[in-house]
Amino acid sequence: MAPTALILAGAGMLSDLARTLVIEGWRVVLPSRRYSPVPVEGDPEPEGRAVWVEAHWDDPGELARRVEATLRGDRADLLVTWLHDAYRQDVVAAVEPLLSASAPVVELRSRSADGVPEQADAGALAGRPTQYVLLGDVSAEGDRPLGHGEIAAGVRAAVARARAGSPSSRHEIGRRRRSTIPRPRVHGVAGSWLRLAPRVG
């Protein structure tokens, strides 16, 4: 039986990954609000297939029920998520029972000041190997916006690590944009006092 991947992301956001998995013979389940076909060509025709499931992030229970009906008693062998923080925990908790015991996780998040935990979150995914992919604001090669190709390549690499059984780890794609806000300048008596004050620490 073909392995199954469950990809939770906006329509088309991870279509490159879905296409790659289908070519490799996976059944890929793609819940999203809008239908976004994953055209796959090959000779011979790939054995895998992509299955769209109409679903909404703000109704995780119904989303899980529709995914379960699509799986028809099977369990997903891989979970990939790229969800807004407002929905992530509830949606992941709803679909976690649909994962096989050994299914690894790849989770994309935007980089933030708070960062991302080194280990899997407590809760639904506790104990599952998780590859965290942190998306920066700009490319690592300059100040241009982070490109779709860079994201797709980084996600494919993370999925390869997950499928190889790698332990939980985090990986950065791009970097945060440097702040252009100038440092405040202090003049007069206060400025003189600050320059003369001894450094602490």
Protein backbone atom coordinates (compact mmCIF):
# COMPACT_ATOMS: atom_id res chain seq x y z
CA MET A 1 0.00 0.00 0.00
CA ALA A 2 1.27 3.48 -0.90
CA PRO A 3 2.37 5.68 2.01
CA THR A 4 0.16 8.66 2.81
CA ALA A 5 1.15 12.25 3.53
CA LEU A 6 -1.20 14.79 5.11
CA ILE A 7 -0.31 18.37 4.14
CA LEU A 8 -2.02 21.18 6.07
CA ALA A 9 -1.36 24.45 4.27
CA GLY A 10 -3.13 27.03 2.17
CA ALA A 11 -4.16 25.93 -1.31
CA GLY A 12 -1.09 25.76 -3.54
CA MET A 13 1.40 26.83 -0.86
CA LEU A 14 3.13 23.44 -0.80
CA SER A 15 2.14 22.18 -4.24
CA ASP A 16 5.80 21.55 -5.16
CA LEU A 17 6.16 19.18 -2.23
CA ALA A 18 2.85 17.49 -3.04
CA ARG A 19 3.96 16.99 -6.65
CA THR A 20 7.30 15.48 -5.56
CA LEU A 21 5.60 13.02 -3.19
CA VAL A 22 3.05 11.98 -5.82
CA ILE A 23 5.84 11.29 -8.32
CA GLU A 24 7.49 9.11 -5.66
CA GLY A 25 4.29 7.10 -5.28
CA TRP A 26 2.68 8.72 -2.24
CA ARG A 27 -0.99 9.41 -1.71
CA VAL A 28 -1.12 13.06 -0.64
CA VAL A 29 -4.18 14.39 1.21
CA LEU A 30 -4.59 18.16 0.87
CA PRO A 31 -7.29 19.76 3.05
CA SER A 32 -7.93 23.41 2.14
CA ARG A 33 -10.75 25.84 1.54
CA ARG A 34 -10.13 26.23 -2.18
CA TYR A 35 -9.36 23.54 -4.73
CA SER A 36 -5.83 23.78 -6.09
CA PRO A 37 -4.94 20.99 -8.53
CA VAL A 38 -1.48 19.41 -8.43
CA PRO A 39 -0.63 18.65 -12.07
CA VAL A 40 1.76 15.71 -12.30
CA GLU A 41 3.09 14.32 -15.54
CA GLY A 42 5.39 11.40 -16.17
CA ASP A 43 6.10 8.43 -18.36
CA PRO A 44 5.03 6.06 -17.00
CA GLU A 45 2.28 7.88 -15.14
CA PRO A 46 3.10 8.23 -11.41
CA GLU A 47 1.48 5.70 -9.11
CA GLY A 48 0.82 8.27 -6.41
CA ARG A 49 -2.06 10.71 -6.36
CA ALA A 50 -3.14 13.95 -4.73
CA VAL A 51 -6.56 14.13 -3.06
CA TRP A 52 -8.15 17.48 -2.24
CA VAL A 53 -10.44 17.66 0.80
CA GLU A 54 -12.62 20.74 1.25
CA ALA A 55 -11.97 21.97 4.77
CA HIS A 56 -11.75 25.13 6.88
CA TRP A 57 -9.15 25.78 9.58
CA ASP A 58 -11.74 27.34 11.89
CA ASP A 59 -13.63 24.01 12.08
CA PRO A 60 -10.91 21.49 12.97
CA GLY A 61 -13.36 18.78 14.04
CA GLU A 62 -15.07 18.72 10.65
CA LEU A 63 -11.70 18.93 8.91
CA ALA A 64 -10.51 15.83 10.78
CA ARG A 65 -13.74 13.96 9.98
CA ARG A 66 -13.34 14.65 6.26
CA VAL A 67 -9.69 13.61 6.28
CA GLU A 68 -10.58 10.43 8.17
CA ALA A 69 -13.24 9.59 5.56
CA THR A 70 -10.66 10.12 2.81
CA LEU A 71 -8.14 7.85 4.54
CA ARG A 72 -10.75 5.06 4.75
CA GLY A 73 -9.31 3.45 7.85
CA ASP A 74 -5.65 4.07 6.99
CA ARG A 75 -3.31 6.35 8.90
CA ALA A 76 -1.07 9.12 7.55
CA ASP A 77 2.66 8.35 7.51
CA LEU A 78 3.82 11.98 7.36
CA LEU A 79 2.36 15.31 8.52
CA VAL A 80 3.47 18.63 7.02
CA THR A 81 1.95 21.84 8.39
CA TRP A 82 2.12 25.51 7.43
CA LEU A 83 -0.65 27.10 9.46
CA HIS A 84 -1.32 30.44 11.07
CA ASP A 85 -0.75 30.37 14.84
CA ALA A 86 -4.44 31.14 15.42
CA TYR A 87 -5.39 27.71 14.01
CA ARG A 88 -2.29 25.55 14.34
CA GLN A 89 -2.77 23.94 17.75
CA ASP A 90 -6.47 23.12 17.33
CA VAL A 91 -6.08 21.73 13.82
CA VAL A 92 -3.02 19.63 14.70
CA ALA A 93 -4.73 18.25 17.79
CA ALA A 94 -7.76 17.27 15.68
CA VAL A 95 -5.74 15.35 13.07
CA GLU A 96 -3.11 13.80 15.34
CA PRO A 97 -5.21 10.63 15.95
CA LEU A 98 -5.16 10.10 12.18
CA LEU A 99 -1.35 9.71 12.11
CA SER A 100 0.44 6.40 12.32
CA ALA A 101 2.45 5.77 15.49
CA SER A 102 5.73 6.41 13.65
CA ALA A 103 4.64 9.38 11.50
CA PRO A 104 7.14 12.26 11.68
CA VAL A 105 6.18 15.94 11.38
CA VAL A 106 7.52 18.85 9.36
CA GLU A 107 6.30 22.21 10.61
CA LEU A 108 6.82 25.54 8.85
CA ARG A 109 6.68 28.75 10.85
CA SER A 110 7.65 32.35 10.30
CA ARG A 111 10.62 33.44 12.35
CA SER A 112 9.67 35.65 15.26
CA ALA A 113 11.37 37.33 18.16
CA ASP A 114 10.27 34.47 20.38
CA GLY A 115 11.65 31.83 18.03
CA VAL A 116 10.53 28.21 17.95
CA PRO A 117 11.04 25.56 20.64
CA GLU A 118 13.94 23.17 20.17
CA GLN A 119 11.75 20.17 20.97
CA ALA A 120 8.29 19.21 19.79
CA ASP A 121 5.46 21.14 21.39
CA ALA A 122 3.81 19.68 24.42
CA GLY A 123 0.37 18.43 23.55
CA ALA A 124 -0.78 16.70 20.41
CA LEU A 125 2.65 16.23 18.82
CA ALA A 126 4.62 15.51 21.98
CA GLY A 127 7.07 12.70 21.37
CA ARG A 128 6.93 12.87 17.58
CA PRO A 129 10.15 13.77 15.71
CA THR A 130 9.53 17.25 14.31
CA GLN A 131 11.56 19.14 11.72
CA TYR A 132 10.94 22.84 12.33
CA VAL A 133 11.45 25.03 9.26
CA LEU A 134 11.82 28.71 10.15
CA LEU A 135 11.03 31.12 7.33
CA GLY A 136 12.83 34.45 7.30
CA ASP A 137 11.70 37.72 5.75
CA VAL A 138 14.44 37.94 3.12
CA SER A 139 16.73 35.62 1.19
CA ALA A 140 19.96 34.51 2.82
CA GLU A 141 21.72 35.71 -0.32
CA GLY A 142 20.62 39.34 -0.20
CA ASP A 143 17.85 41.72 0.76
CA ARG A 144 15.32 40.46 -1.78
CA PRO A 145 12.17 38.77 -0.43
CA LEU A 146 12.42 35.07 0.34
CA GLY A 147 11.59 33.25 -2.90
CA HIS A 148 9.22 30.36 -3.49
CA GLY A 149 12.05 28.24 -4.88
CA GLU A 150 14.10 28.66 -1.69
CA ILE A 151 11.14 27.68 0.46
CA ALA A 152 10.31 24.65 -1.69
CA ALA A 153 13.91 23.40 -1.60
CA GLY A 154 14.14 23.85 2.17
CA VAL A 155 10.85 22.02 2.75
CA ARG A 156 11.89 19.11 0.54
CA ALA A 157 15.14 18.83 2.52
CA ALA A 158 13.23 18.84 5.81
CA VAL A 159 10.85 16.15 4.54
CA ALA A 160 13.83 14.03 3.48
CA ARG A 161 15.26 14.33 7.01
CA ALA A 162 11.89 13.42 8.51
CA ARG A 163 11.54 10.36 6.28
CA ALA A 164 15.09 9.29 7.19
CA GLY A 165 14.10 9.18 10.86
CA SER A 166 16.11 12.21 12.01
CA PRO A 167 15.44 13.49 15.53
CA SER A 168 13.67 16.80 16.11
CA SER A 169 15.66 19.79 14.87
CA ARG A 170 15.23 23.29 13.49
CA HIS A 171 16.35 24.72 10.17
CA GLU A 172 16.32 28.29 8.91
CA ILE A 173 15.43 29.41 5.39
CA GLY A 174 16.42 33.00 4.73
CA ARG A 175 16.91 35.47 7.53
CA ARG A 176 15.14 38.23 9.38
CA ARG A 177 15.22 41.67 7.82
CA ARG A 178 17.66 43.96 9.60
CA SER A 179 16.04 46.83 11.42
CA THR A 180 16.62 50.21 9.78
CA ILE A 181 15.41 52.18 12.80
CA PRO A 182 18.28 54.44 13.94
CA ARG A 183 19.45 54.23 17.53
CA PRO A 184 18.33 57.22 19.63
CA ARG A 185 20.96 59.86 20.24
CA VAL A 186 21.14 61.63 23.58
CA HIS A 187 22.53 65.18 23.71
CA GLY A 188 23.46 67.66 26.38
CA VAL A 189 24.15 66.83 30.02
CA ALA A 190 22.38 63.45 29.84
CA GLY A 191 24.51 62.46 26.86
CA SER A 192 27.73 63.42 28.66
CA TRP A 193 26.68 61.44 31.73
CA LEU A 194 25.97 58.35 29.59
CA ARG A 195 29.36 58.59 27.90
CA LEU A 196 31.15 58.89 31.25
CA ALA A 197 29.13 56.25 33.09
CA PRO A 198 31.05 53.00 33.72
CA ARG A 199 29.95 49.92 31.77
CA VAL A 200 28.22 47.24 33.81
CA GLY A 201 28.32 43.52 32.91
